[in-house]
N, C-alpha and C. Protein backbone atom coordinates (compact mmCIF):
# COMPACT_ATOMS: atom_id res chain seq x y z
N MET A 1 -4.08 -17.96 7.65
CA MET A 1 -4.14 -16.55 7.21
C MET A 1 -5.50 -15.96 7.59
N SER A 2 -5.50 -14.77 8.19
CA SER A 2 -6.75 -14.15 8.63
C SER A 2 -7.48 -13.53 7.44
N GLN A 3 -8.75 -13.20 7.67
CA GLN A 3 -9.56 -12.57 6.62
C GLN A 3 -8.95 -11.24 6.19
N ILE A 4 -8.41 -10.50 7.14
CA ILE A 4 -7.77 -9.20 6.84
C ILE A 4 -6.61 -9.40 5.88
N GLU A 5 -5.78 -10.38 6.14
CA GLU A 5 -4.59 -10.62 5.32
C GLU A 5 -4.95 -11.06 3.90
N GLU A 6 -6.15 -11.59 3.74
CA GLU A 6 -6.59 -12.04 2.42
C GLU A 6 -7.17 -10.90 1.58
N GLN A 7 -7.44 -9.76 2.22
CA GLN A 7 -8.02 -8.64 1.51
C GLN A 7 -6.98 -7.87 0.70
N SER A 8 -7.44 -7.26 -0.38
CA SER A 8 -6.58 -6.32 -1.09
C SER A 8 -6.56 -5.00 -0.33
N ILE A 9 -5.59 -4.16 -0.64
CA ILE A 9 -5.54 -2.83 0.00
C ILE A 9 -6.81 -2.06 -0.31
N SER A 10 -7.28 -2.18 -1.53
CA SER A 10 -8.49 -1.47 -1.95
C SER A 10 -9.70 -1.92 -1.13
N GLN A 11 -9.82 -3.22 -0.91
CA GLN A 11 -10.93 -3.75 -0.12
C GLN A 11 -10.89 -3.22 1.31
N PHE A 12 -9.70 -3.25 1.89
CA PHE A 12 -9.56 -2.77 3.27
C PHE A 12 -9.93 -1.29 3.37
N LEU A 13 -9.45 -0.49 2.43
CA LEU A 13 -9.74 0.93 2.46
C LEU A 13 -11.22 1.22 2.23
N ASN A 14 -11.86 0.42 1.39
CA ASN A 14 -13.30 0.58 1.19
C ASN A 14 -14.05 0.31 2.49
N GLU A 15 -13.63 -0.71 3.22
CA GLU A 15 -14.26 -1.01 4.50
C GLU A 15 -13.97 0.09 5.52
N LEU A 16 -12.75 0.60 5.47
CA LEU A 16 -12.36 1.67 6.39
C LEU A 16 -13.20 2.92 6.13
N ALA A 17 -13.53 3.17 4.88
CA ALA A 17 -14.29 4.37 4.50
C ALA A 17 -15.79 4.21 4.66
N SER A 18 -16.25 2.99 4.89
CA SER A 18 -17.68 2.72 4.94
C SER A 18 -18.32 3.20 6.24
N ALA A 19 -19.62 3.03 6.34
CA ALA A 19 -20.36 3.42 7.54
C ALA A 19 -20.15 2.44 8.69
N SER A 20 -19.51 1.32 8.43
CA SER A 20 -19.23 0.34 9.49
C SER A 20 -18.15 0.89 10.42
N PRO A 21 -18.31 0.73 11.74
CA PRO A 21 -17.31 1.25 12.68
C PRO A 21 -16.01 0.45 12.70
N THR A 22 -16.04 -0.74 12.11
CA THR A 22 -14.81 -1.54 12.02
C THR A 22 -14.58 -1.97 10.57
N PRO A 23 -13.33 -1.94 10.11
CA PRO A 23 -12.15 -1.47 10.82
C PRO A 23 -12.20 0.05 11.02
N GLY A 24 -11.49 0.51 12.03
CA GLY A 24 -11.47 1.94 12.34
C GLY A 24 -10.07 2.44 12.62
N GLY A 25 -9.97 3.42 13.51
CA GLY A 25 -8.68 4.04 13.78
C GLY A 25 -7.65 3.09 14.34
N GLY A 26 -8.10 2.15 15.18
CA GLY A 26 -7.15 1.19 15.75
C GLY A 26 -6.55 0.29 14.68
N GLY A 27 -7.41 -0.15 13.76
CA GLY A 27 -6.92 -0.97 12.66
C GLY A 27 -6.00 -0.19 11.73
N ALA A 28 -6.36 1.08 11.51
CA ALA A 28 -5.52 1.93 10.66
C ALA A 28 -4.15 2.14 11.29
N ALA A 29 -4.12 2.31 12.61
CA ALA A 29 -2.84 2.47 13.32
C ALA A 29 -1.98 1.23 13.14
N ALA A 30 -2.60 0.06 13.29
CA ALA A 30 -1.85 -1.19 13.14
C ALA A 30 -1.34 -1.36 11.71
N LEU A 31 -2.15 -0.93 10.74
CA LEU A 31 -1.72 -1.02 9.34
C LEU A 31 -0.52 -0.10 9.09
N MET A 32 -0.53 1.08 9.68
CA MET A 32 0.63 1.97 9.57
C MET A 32 1.87 1.29 10.12
N GLY A 33 1.71 0.63 11.26
CA GLY A 33 2.84 -0.09 11.85
C GLY A 33 3.32 -1.21 10.96
N ALA A 34 2.38 -1.92 10.35
CA ALA A 34 2.75 -3.02 9.44
C ALA A 34 3.52 -2.50 8.24
N GLN A 35 3.11 -1.34 7.73
CA GLN A 35 3.81 -0.73 6.60
C GLN A 35 5.22 -0.31 7.01
N ALA A 36 5.34 0.23 8.21
CA ALA A 36 6.66 0.61 8.72
C ALA A 36 7.58 -0.61 8.80
N ALA A 37 7.03 -1.69 9.34
CA ALA A 37 7.82 -2.93 9.46
C ALA A 37 8.21 -3.47 8.10
N ALA A 38 7.28 -3.42 7.15
CA ALA A 38 7.58 -3.91 5.80
C ALA A 38 8.68 -3.10 5.14
N LEU A 39 8.67 -1.80 5.36
CA LEU A 39 9.71 -0.95 4.78
C LEU A 39 11.07 -1.23 5.40
N VAL A 40 11.09 -1.46 6.71
CA VAL A 40 12.36 -1.83 7.35
C VAL A 40 12.87 -3.14 6.76
N SER A 41 11.97 -4.08 6.56
CA SER A 41 12.37 -5.36 5.96
C SER A 41 12.93 -5.15 4.55
N MET A 42 12.31 -4.25 3.80
CA MET A 42 12.78 -3.99 2.45
C MET A 42 14.20 -3.43 2.46
N VAL A 43 14.46 -2.49 3.35
CA VAL A 43 15.81 -1.93 3.45
C VAL A 43 16.80 -3.04 3.80
N CYS A 44 16.41 -3.90 4.71
CA CYS A 44 17.29 -5.02 5.08
C CYS A 44 17.55 -5.94 3.88
N ASN A 45 16.48 -6.30 3.19
CA ASN A 45 16.61 -7.23 2.05
C ASN A 45 17.44 -6.64 0.91
N LEU A 46 17.45 -5.33 0.80
CA LEU A 46 18.24 -4.69 -0.25
C LEU A 46 19.65 -4.30 0.23
N THR A 47 19.94 -4.67 1.47
CA THR A 47 21.29 -4.46 2.01
C THR A 47 22.03 -5.79 2.13
N ILE A 48 21.31 -6.80 2.59
CA ILE A 48 21.88 -8.14 2.77
C ILE A 48 22.35 -8.71 1.42
N GLY A 49 23.55 -9.23 1.42
CA GLY A 49 24.10 -9.83 0.21
C GLY A 49 24.88 -8.87 -0.66
N LYS A 50 24.87 -7.58 -0.31
CA LYS A 50 25.63 -6.59 -1.08
C LYS A 50 27.05 -6.50 -0.51
N PRO A 51 28.08 -6.74 -1.34
CA PRO A 51 29.47 -6.71 -0.87
C PRO A 51 29.81 -5.41 -0.13
N LYS A 52 29.27 -4.30 -0.60
CA LYS A 52 29.54 -3.00 0.01
C LYS A 52 29.10 -2.94 1.47
N TYR A 53 28.10 -3.77 1.83
CA TYR A 53 27.54 -3.73 3.18
C TYR A 53 27.79 -5.04 3.94
N ALA A 54 28.83 -5.74 3.55
CA ALA A 54 29.15 -7.04 4.17
C ALA A 54 29.39 -6.91 5.67
N GLU A 55 29.97 -5.80 6.10
CA GLU A 55 30.30 -5.63 7.51
C GLU A 55 29.06 -5.52 8.41
N VAL A 56 27.94 -5.13 7.83
CA VAL A 56 26.73 -4.95 8.65
C VAL A 56 25.68 -6.03 8.36
N GLU A 57 26.07 -7.03 7.58
CA GLU A 57 25.08 -8.04 7.17
C GLU A 57 24.46 -8.78 8.37
N THR A 58 25.28 -9.15 9.34
CA THR A 58 24.76 -9.86 10.51
C THR A 58 23.72 -9.01 11.23
N GLN A 59 24.02 -7.73 11.40
CA GLN A 59 23.07 -6.83 12.06
C GLN A 59 21.79 -6.68 11.25
N MET A 60 21.92 -6.56 9.96
CA MET A 60 20.75 -6.38 9.11
C MET A 60 19.87 -7.63 9.09
N ARG A 61 20.49 -8.78 9.17
CA ARG A 61 19.70 -10.02 9.23
C ARG A 61 18.91 -10.08 10.54
N ALA A 62 19.54 -9.63 11.61
CA ALA A 62 18.85 -9.61 12.91
C ALA A 62 17.68 -8.64 12.89
N ILE A 63 17.89 -7.47 12.27
CA ILE A 63 16.82 -6.48 12.15
C ILE A 63 15.68 -7.04 11.31
N LEU A 64 16.04 -7.73 10.23
CA LEU A 64 15.02 -8.32 9.35
C LEU A 64 14.14 -9.31 10.10
N ASP A 65 14.77 -10.15 10.92
CA ASP A 65 13.99 -11.11 11.71
C ASP A 65 13.00 -10.38 12.63
N GLN A 66 13.46 -9.32 13.25
CA GLN A 66 12.61 -8.57 14.17
C GLN A 66 11.50 -7.82 13.44
N SER A 67 11.83 -7.22 12.32
CA SER A 67 10.82 -6.44 11.59
C SER A 67 9.73 -7.34 11.02
N GLU A 68 10.12 -8.55 10.58
CA GLU A 68 9.12 -9.48 10.05
C GLU A 68 8.22 -10.01 11.16
N THR A 69 8.79 -10.24 12.32
CA THR A 69 7.98 -10.65 13.47
C THR A 69 6.98 -9.55 13.83
N LEU A 70 7.44 -8.32 13.83
CA LEU A 70 6.56 -7.20 14.15
C LEU A 70 5.49 -7.01 13.07
N ARG A 71 5.85 -7.22 11.82
CA ARG A 71 4.87 -7.07 10.74
C ARG A 71 3.71 -8.05 10.94
N THR A 72 4.04 -9.29 11.29
CA THR A 72 3.01 -10.29 11.56
C THR A 72 2.14 -9.86 12.74
N GLN A 73 2.77 -9.34 13.77
CA GLN A 73 2.03 -8.89 14.95
C GLN A 73 1.09 -7.75 14.62
N PHE A 74 1.57 -6.79 13.84
CA PHE A 74 0.73 -5.65 13.47
C PHE A 74 -0.51 -6.11 12.69
N MET A 75 -0.34 -7.03 11.78
CA MET A 75 -1.47 -7.53 11.01
C MET A 75 -2.49 -8.21 11.92
N ARG A 76 -2.00 -8.93 12.90
CA ARG A 76 -2.90 -9.58 13.86
C ARG A 76 -3.66 -8.54 14.69
N MET A 77 -3.00 -7.41 14.94
CA MET A 77 -3.64 -6.36 15.74
C MET A 77 -4.85 -5.75 15.05
N ILE A 78 -4.85 -5.75 13.74
CA ILE A 78 -6.02 -5.22 13.01
C ILE A 78 -7.25 -6.05 13.35
N THR A 79 -7.08 -7.37 13.31
CA THR A 79 -8.17 -8.27 13.66
C THR A 79 -8.53 -8.15 15.13
N ASP A 80 -7.51 -8.04 15.98
CA ASP A 80 -7.75 -7.89 17.43
C ASP A 80 -8.56 -6.64 17.73
N ASP A 81 -8.23 -5.55 17.03
CA ASP A 81 -8.94 -4.29 17.26
C ASP A 81 -10.42 -4.42 16.89
N MET A 82 -10.70 -5.09 15.79
CA MET A 82 -12.08 -5.29 15.38
C MET A 82 -12.83 -6.17 16.38
N ALA A 83 -12.15 -7.21 16.86
CA ALA A 83 -12.78 -8.13 17.81
C ALA A 83 -13.10 -7.45 19.13
N VAL A 84 -12.18 -6.63 19.61
CA VAL A 84 -12.40 -5.98 20.91
C VAL A 84 -13.48 -4.91 20.81
N PHE A 85 -13.61 -4.27 19.65
CA PHE A 85 -14.68 -3.29 19.47
C PHE A 85 -16.04 -3.99 19.55
N LYS A 86 -16.14 -5.16 18.93
CA LYS A 86 -17.38 -5.92 18.98
C LYS A 86 -17.69 -6.33 20.41
N LYS A 87 -16.66 -6.64 21.18
CA LYS A 87 -16.84 -7.01 22.58
C LYS A 87 -17.40 -5.83 23.38
N VAL A 88 -16.88 -4.65 23.12
CA VAL A 88 -17.37 -3.45 23.81
C VAL A 88 -18.83 -3.19 23.43
N MET A 89 -19.13 -3.25 22.16
CA MET A 89 -20.50 -3.00 21.71
C MET A 89 -21.47 -4.04 22.27
N ALA A 90 -21.03 -5.29 22.36
CA ALA A 90 -21.88 -6.34 22.92
C ALA A 90 -22.18 -6.05 24.39
N ALA A 91 -21.17 -5.55 25.10
CA ALA A 91 -21.38 -5.22 26.52
C ALA A 91 -22.38 -4.07 26.68
N TYR A 92 -22.24 -3.06 25.85
CA TYR A 92 -23.19 -1.94 25.91
C TYR A 92 -24.60 -2.38 25.52
N GLY A 93 -24.71 -3.44 24.75
CA GLY A 93 -26.01 -3.92 24.30
C GLY A 93 -26.72 -4.84 25.28
N LEU A 94 -26.07 -5.15 26.41
CA LEU A 94 -26.70 -6.02 27.41
C LEU A 94 -27.92 -5.34 28.03
N PRO A 95 -28.90 -6.14 28.48
CA PRO A 95 -30.11 -5.56 29.08
C PRO A 95 -29.80 -4.78 30.36
N LYS A 96 -30.62 -3.78 30.65
CA LYS A 96 -30.40 -2.92 31.81
C LYS A 96 -31.72 -2.52 32.47
N GLU A 97 -32.65 -3.46 32.51
CA GLU A 97 -33.96 -3.19 33.09
C GLU A 97 -33.93 -3.27 34.61
N THR A 98 -33.26 -4.29 35.13
CA THR A 98 -33.23 -4.49 36.59
C THR A 98 -31.88 -4.06 37.14
N ASP A 99 -31.81 -3.95 38.47
CA ASP A 99 -30.54 -3.58 39.12
C ASP A 99 -29.47 -4.64 38.86
N VAL A 100 -29.89 -5.90 38.86
CA VAL A 100 -28.93 -6.98 38.59
C VAL A 100 -28.39 -6.88 37.17
N GLU A 101 -29.30 -6.65 36.24
CA GLU A 101 -28.88 -6.50 34.84
C GLU A 101 -27.95 -5.31 34.66
N LYS A 102 -28.27 -4.22 35.34
CA LYS A 102 -27.42 -3.03 35.25
C LYS A 102 -26.03 -3.31 35.79
N SER A 103 -25.96 -4.04 36.91
CA SER A 103 -24.67 -4.36 37.51
C SER A 103 -23.84 -5.25 36.59
N VAL A 104 -24.50 -6.26 36.02
CA VAL A 104 -23.81 -7.17 35.08
C VAL A 104 -23.33 -6.40 33.87
N ARG A 105 -24.18 -5.53 33.36
CA ARG A 105 -23.84 -4.74 32.17
C ARG A 105 -22.65 -3.81 32.45
N THR A 106 -22.68 -3.15 33.58
CA THR A 106 -21.58 -2.24 33.94
C THR A 106 -20.26 -2.99 34.06
N GLY A 107 -20.31 -4.16 34.70
CA GLY A 107 -19.10 -4.97 34.84
C GLY A 107 -18.56 -5.42 33.50
N ALA A 108 -19.47 -5.82 32.60
CA ALA A 108 -19.06 -6.28 31.27
C ALA A 108 -18.45 -5.15 30.47
N ILE A 109 -19.04 -3.96 30.58
CA ILE A 109 -18.51 -2.79 29.86
C ILE A 109 -17.11 -2.46 30.34
N GLN A 110 -16.94 -2.43 31.65
CA GLN A 110 -15.63 -2.09 32.21
C GLN A 110 -14.57 -3.11 31.80
N GLU A 111 -14.94 -4.38 31.81
CA GLU A 111 -13.99 -5.43 31.40
C GLU A 111 -13.63 -5.30 29.93
N ALA A 112 -14.64 -5.02 29.10
CA ALA A 112 -14.40 -4.88 27.67
C ALA A 112 -13.52 -3.67 27.38
N LEU A 113 -13.73 -2.58 28.11
CA LEU A 113 -12.93 -1.38 27.91
C LEU A 113 -11.46 -1.62 28.28
N LYS A 114 -11.23 -2.49 29.24
CA LYS A 114 -9.85 -2.82 29.59
C LYS A 114 -9.17 -3.55 28.44
N PHE A 115 -9.89 -4.50 27.84
CA PHE A 115 -9.35 -5.18 26.65
C PHE A 115 -9.09 -4.17 25.53
N ALA A 116 -10.05 -3.23 25.39
CA ALA A 116 -9.95 -2.23 24.33
C ALA A 116 -8.80 -1.25 24.58
N THR A 117 -8.33 -1.17 25.79
CA THR A 117 -7.16 -0.35 26.12
C THR A 117 -5.87 -1.09 25.84
N ASP A 118 -5.86 -2.36 26.18
CA ASP A 118 -4.62 -3.13 26.04
C ASP A 118 -4.24 -3.41 24.59
N VAL A 119 -5.23 -3.54 23.71
CA VAL A 119 -4.92 -3.81 22.30
C VAL A 119 -4.12 -2.67 21.67
N PRO A 120 -4.56 -1.40 21.76
CA PRO A 120 -3.74 -0.33 21.20
C PRO A 120 -2.45 -0.09 21.97
N LEU A 121 -2.43 -0.48 23.24
CA LEU A 121 -1.19 -0.33 24.00
C LEU A 121 -0.12 -1.27 23.45
N VAL A 122 -0.53 -2.46 23.07
CA VAL A 122 0.39 -3.41 22.42
C VAL A 122 0.87 -2.83 21.10
N CYS A 123 -0.05 -2.18 20.37
CA CYS A 123 0.32 -1.56 19.09
C CYS A 123 1.32 -0.43 19.32
N ALA A 124 1.11 0.35 20.37
CA ALA A 124 2.04 1.45 20.68
C ALA A 124 3.43 0.90 21.01
N ARG A 125 3.45 -0.18 21.76
CA ARG A 125 4.73 -0.79 22.14
C ARG A 125 5.47 -1.28 20.90
N ALA A 126 4.75 -1.95 20.02
CA ALA A 126 5.37 -2.47 18.79
C ALA A 126 5.82 -1.33 17.87
N SER A 127 5.05 -0.25 17.87
CA SER A 127 5.41 0.91 17.04
C SER A 127 6.71 1.53 17.51
N ALA A 128 6.88 1.62 18.81
CA ALA A 128 8.14 2.17 19.34
C ALA A 128 9.31 1.27 18.95
N GLU A 129 9.08 -0.03 18.94
CA GLU A 129 10.13 -0.97 18.53
C GLU A 129 10.50 -0.77 17.07
N ILE A 130 9.51 -0.59 16.22
CA ILE A 130 9.81 -0.45 14.79
C ILE A 130 10.50 0.88 14.51
N ILE A 131 10.21 1.90 15.30
CA ILE A 131 10.91 3.18 15.14
C ILE A 131 12.41 2.97 15.41
N GLN A 132 12.72 2.23 16.46
CA GLN A 132 14.12 1.98 16.79
C GLN A 132 14.81 1.14 15.71
N LEU A 133 14.08 0.16 15.18
CA LEU A 133 14.66 -0.67 14.11
C LEU A 133 14.88 0.15 12.85
N SER A 134 13.94 1.05 12.56
CA SER A 134 14.10 1.88 11.36
C SER A 134 15.28 2.83 11.51
N ARG A 135 15.56 3.22 12.73
CA ARG A 135 16.72 4.08 12.96
C ARG A 135 18.01 3.34 12.60
N THR A 136 18.12 2.11 13.06
CA THR A 136 19.31 1.32 12.74
C THR A 136 19.39 1.05 11.25
N ALA A 137 18.23 0.79 10.64
CA ALA A 137 18.21 0.56 9.18
C ALA A 137 18.69 1.79 8.44
N ALA A 138 18.31 2.97 8.94
CA ALA A 138 18.74 4.23 8.30
C ALA A 138 20.23 4.46 8.49
N GLU A 139 20.74 4.03 9.63
CA GLU A 139 22.16 4.24 9.92
C GLU A 139 23.06 3.28 9.14
N LEU A 140 22.59 2.04 8.95
CA LEU A 140 23.46 1.00 8.37
C LEU A 140 23.05 0.53 6.99
N GLY A 141 21.81 0.80 6.60
CA GLY A 141 21.28 0.20 5.38
C GLY A 141 21.78 0.79 4.08
N ASN A 142 21.41 0.13 3.02
CA ASN A 142 21.76 0.52 1.66
C ASN A 142 21.31 1.96 1.39
N LEU A 143 22.25 2.79 0.99
CA LEU A 143 21.95 4.21 0.75
C LEU A 143 20.95 4.42 -0.38
N ASN A 144 20.85 3.44 -1.27
CA ASN A 144 19.90 3.58 -2.38
C ASN A 144 18.44 3.54 -1.92
N VAL A 145 18.22 3.02 -0.71
CA VAL A 145 16.85 2.96 -0.17
C VAL A 145 16.77 3.66 1.19
N ILE A 146 17.66 4.60 1.41
CA ILE A 146 17.70 5.29 2.70
C ILE A 146 16.41 6.07 2.95
N SER A 147 15.82 6.61 1.89
CA SER A 147 14.57 7.36 2.07
C SER A 147 13.45 6.45 2.57
N ASP A 148 13.50 5.18 2.18
CA ASP A 148 12.48 4.22 2.63
C ASP A 148 12.61 3.94 4.13
N ALA A 149 13.83 3.97 4.62
CA ALA A 149 14.02 3.83 6.07
C ALA A 149 13.41 5.02 6.79
N GLY A 150 13.53 6.19 6.18
CA GLY A 150 12.93 7.38 6.77
C GLY A 150 11.41 7.31 6.78
N VAL A 151 10.85 6.83 5.69
CA VAL A 151 9.39 6.67 5.61
C VAL A 151 8.93 5.64 6.65
N ALA A 152 9.71 4.61 6.87
CA ALA A 152 9.38 3.62 7.89
C ALA A 152 9.29 4.27 9.27
N THR A 153 10.23 5.16 9.55
CA THR A 153 10.21 5.86 10.83
C THR A 153 8.96 6.72 10.97
N MET A 154 8.63 7.46 9.93
CA MET A 154 7.45 8.32 9.99
C MET A 154 6.17 7.51 10.13
N ALA A 155 6.09 6.39 9.43
CA ALA A 155 4.91 5.53 9.54
C ALA A 155 4.82 4.92 10.94
N GLY A 156 5.96 4.55 11.47
CA GLY A 156 5.99 3.99 12.83
C GLY A 156 5.54 5.01 13.86
N PHE A 157 5.96 6.26 13.67
CA PHE A 157 5.57 7.31 14.61
C PHE A 157 4.08 7.61 14.50
N ALA A 158 3.56 7.62 13.28
CA ALA A 158 2.12 7.82 13.08
C ALA A 158 1.34 6.70 13.75
N ALA A 159 1.83 5.47 13.63
CA ALA A 159 1.17 4.33 14.27
C ALA A 159 1.19 4.48 15.78
N LEU A 160 2.31 4.92 16.32
CA LEU A 160 2.45 5.09 17.76
C LEU A 160 1.49 6.14 18.30
N LYS A 161 1.47 7.31 17.70
CA LYS A 161 0.61 8.38 18.18
C LYS A 161 -0.87 8.03 17.99
N SER A 162 -1.18 7.34 16.91
CA SER A 162 -2.56 6.94 16.65
C SER A 162 -3.02 5.90 17.68
N ALA A 163 -2.15 4.95 17.97
CA ALA A 163 -2.47 3.95 18.99
C ALA A 163 -2.66 4.61 20.35
N ALA A 164 -1.85 5.63 20.63
CA ALA A 164 -1.97 6.34 21.91
C ALA A 164 -3.35 6.97 22.07
N LEU A 165 -3.87 7.53 21.00
CA LEU A 165 -5.21 8.13 21.05
C LEU A 165 -6.25 7.09 21.42
N ASN A 166 -6.09 5.87 20.92
CA ASN A 166 -7.05 4.81 21.23
C ASN A 166 -6.92 4.32 22.67
N VAL A 167 -5.74 4.44 23.24
CA VAL A 167 -5.57 4.15 24.66
C VAL A 167 -6.30 5.22 25.48
N TYR A 168 -6.07 6.48 25.13
CA TYR A 168 -6.68 7.58 25.87
C TYR A 168 -8.21 7.53 25.85
N VAL A 169 -8.79 7.24 24.69
CA VAL A 169 -10.25 7.26 24.58
C VAL A 169 -10.89 6.17 25.43
N ASN A 170 -10.20 5.06 25.62
CA ASN A 170 -10.76 3.98 26.43
C ASN A 170 -10.49 4.15 27.92
N THR A 171 -9.31 4.61 28.27
CA THR A 171 -9.02 4.80 29.70
C THR A 171 -9.91 5.89 30.30
N GLY A 172 -10.37 6.81 29.47
CA GLY A 172 -11.23 7.88 29.98
C GLY A 172 -12.55 7.39 30.53
N ALA A 173 -12.96 6.17 30.14
CA ALA A 173 -14.25 5.63 30.59
C ALA A 173 -14.10 4.49 31.59
N ILE A 174 -12.85 4.19 31.98
CA ILE A 174 -12.60 3.09 32.92
C ILE A 174 -12.57 3.61 34.35
N LYS A 175 -13.29 2.93 35.23
CA LYS A 175 -13.40 3.38 36.63
C LYS A 175 -12.29 2.85 37.52
N ASP A 176 -11.63 1.79 37.08
CA ASP A 176 -10.54 1.19 37.85
C ASP A 176 -9.31 2.09 37.73
N GLN A 177 -9.11 2.92 38.74
CA GLN A 177 -8.04 3.92 38.66
C GLN A 177 -6.65 3.30 38.60
N ALA A 178 -6.46 2.21 39.34
CA ALA A 178 -5.15 1.55 39.35
C ALA A 178 -4.82 1.03 37.96
N PHE A 179 -5.81 0.44 37.29
CA PHE A 179 -5.62 -0.06 35.93
C PHE A 179 -5.27 1.09 35.00
N THR A 180 -6.07 2.15 35.07
CA THR A 180 -5.87 3.31 34.19
C THR A 180 -4.49 3.93 34.38
N GLU A 181 -4.11 4.12 35.63
CA GLU A 181 -2.82 4.76 35.91
C GLU A 181 -1.66 3.90 35.42
N SER A 182 -1.78 2.57 35.56
CA SER A 182 -0.69 1.70 35.13
C SER A 182 -0.54 1.73 33.61
N ARG A 183 -1.68 1.74 32.89
CA ARG A 183 -1.62 1.77 31.43
C ARG A 183 -1.12 3.11 30.92
N LEU A 184 -1.56 4.19 31.51
CA LEU A 184 -1.11 5.51 31.07
C LEU A 184 0.37 5.73 31.40
N ALA A 185 0.82 5.17 32.52
CA ALA A 185 2.24 5.28 32.87
C ALA A 185 3.09 4.54 31.85
N GLU A 186 2.62 3.35 31.45
CA GLU A 186 3.37 2.60 30.44
C GLU A 186 3.38 3.34 29.12
N LEU A 187 2.25 3.94 28.76
CA LEU A 187 2.17 4.69 27.51
C LEU A 187 3.13 5.88 27.53
N ARG A 188 3.20 6.56 28.66
CA ARG A 188 4.13 7.69 28.78
C ARG A 188 5.56 7.23 28.55
N ASP A 189 5.90 6.07 29.11
CA ASP A 189 7.26 5.53 28.92
C ASP A 189 7.51 5.20 27.45
N ILE A 190 6.50 4.65 26.80
CA ILE A 190 6.64 4.29 25.38
C ILE A 190 6.83 5.53 24.52
N LEU A 191 6.05 6.57 24.84
CA LEU A 191 6.10 7.80 24.05
C LEU A 191 7.35 8.64 24.30
N ALA A 192 7.93 8.46 25.48
CA ALA A 192 9.07 9.29 25.87
C ALA A 192 10.20 9.20 24.83
N GLY A 193 10.54 10.32 24.28
CA GLY A 193 11.65 10.39 23.34
C GLY A 193 11.31 9.97 21.92
N ALA A 194 10.09 9.45 21.69
CA ALA A 194 9.75 8.94 20.36
C ALA A 194 9.75 10.05 19.31
N GLU A 195 9.21 11.20 19.68
CA GLU A 195 9.16 12.31 18.72
C GLU A 195 10.56 12.79 18.38
N MET A 196 11.42 12.87 19.40
CA MET A 196 12.80 13.30 19.17
C MET A 196 13.55 12.30 18.30
N THR A 197 13.36 11.01 18.58
CA THR A 197 14.01 9.97 17.78
C THR A 197 13.56 10.05 16.33
N THR A 198 12.25 10.23 16.14
CA THR A 198 11.71 10.31 14.78
C THR A 198 12.30 11.48 14.02
N GLU A 199 12.40 12.62 14.68
CA GLU A 199 12.97 13.80 14.02
C GLU A 199 14.45 13.59 13.73
N GLU A 200 15.16 12.94 14.63
CA GLU A 200 16.59 12.67 14.42
C GLU A 200 16.79 11.76 13.20
N VAL A 201 15.94 10.74 13.09
CA VAL A 201 16.05 9.85 11.93
C VAL A 201 15.70 10.59 10.64
N TYR A 202 14.67 11.42 10.71
CA TYR A 202 14.27 12.22 9.55
C TYR A 202 15.43 13.07 9.06
N GLN A 203 16.09 13.74 9.99
CA GLN A 203 17.21 14.61 9.62
C GLN A 203 18.42 13.78 9.14
N LEU A 204 18.64 12.62 9.75
CA LEU A 204 19.73 11.74 9.33
C LEU A 204 19.51 11.30 7.89
N VAL A 205 18.29 10.85 7.60
CA VAL A 205 17.98 10.39 6.25
C VAL A 205 18.12 11.56 5.25
N LYS A 206 17.59 12.69 5.62
CA LYS A 206 17.66 13.86 4.74
C LYS A 206 19.11 14.23 4.41
N SER A 207 19.98 14.10 5.42
CA SER A 207 21.39 14.45 5.22
C SER A 207 22.11 13.48 4.28
N LYS A 208 21.56 12.28 4.10
CA LYS A 208 22.19 11.27 3.26
C LYS A 208 21.63 11.26 1.83
N LEU A 209 20.61 12.06 1.59
CA LEU A 209 19.99 12.06 0.25
C LEU A 209 20.83 12.84 -0.76
């Protein structure tokens, strides 16, 4: 179990609110994703075993397996985000007195920024997955917790858009154009249709209340 997972919500929020740069927006995005995944799992757990929903039990069990896997991944991303930020700061802190030092420092910064781009990109990818799972949970899950499926979708979308911002802020400083273009292209694919899907789920849930 990581140090993050051992913290209370209050402890994490106190650290988030502090003058320390970590945890920051990337960690907050991952936490939103973890909450979305947990809510999907809750809808599944409150649907599985109910005679009224026997026909969808197999599907709900499959969704539960996926949402729990994603929840674990999101929690790991919080730690990953903090680690990669430290890597970036360490690179910026390298000496730059001589031309050799400057070259080494520039290379280290660029490499660290690439890591700092890929971490939120993974979060964005996972967020899009949880949005799709929450949609199925809203369509098939126990009506008594249908609003929770909707909240899962909204949390997943917030995680996705937040992670996207962290991709943008890092790619803006990367000189490797091929790397930047490939990551931004993937992000565009991930984002495509996400807002529409989220709104569709929101309206679906609202219609069932």
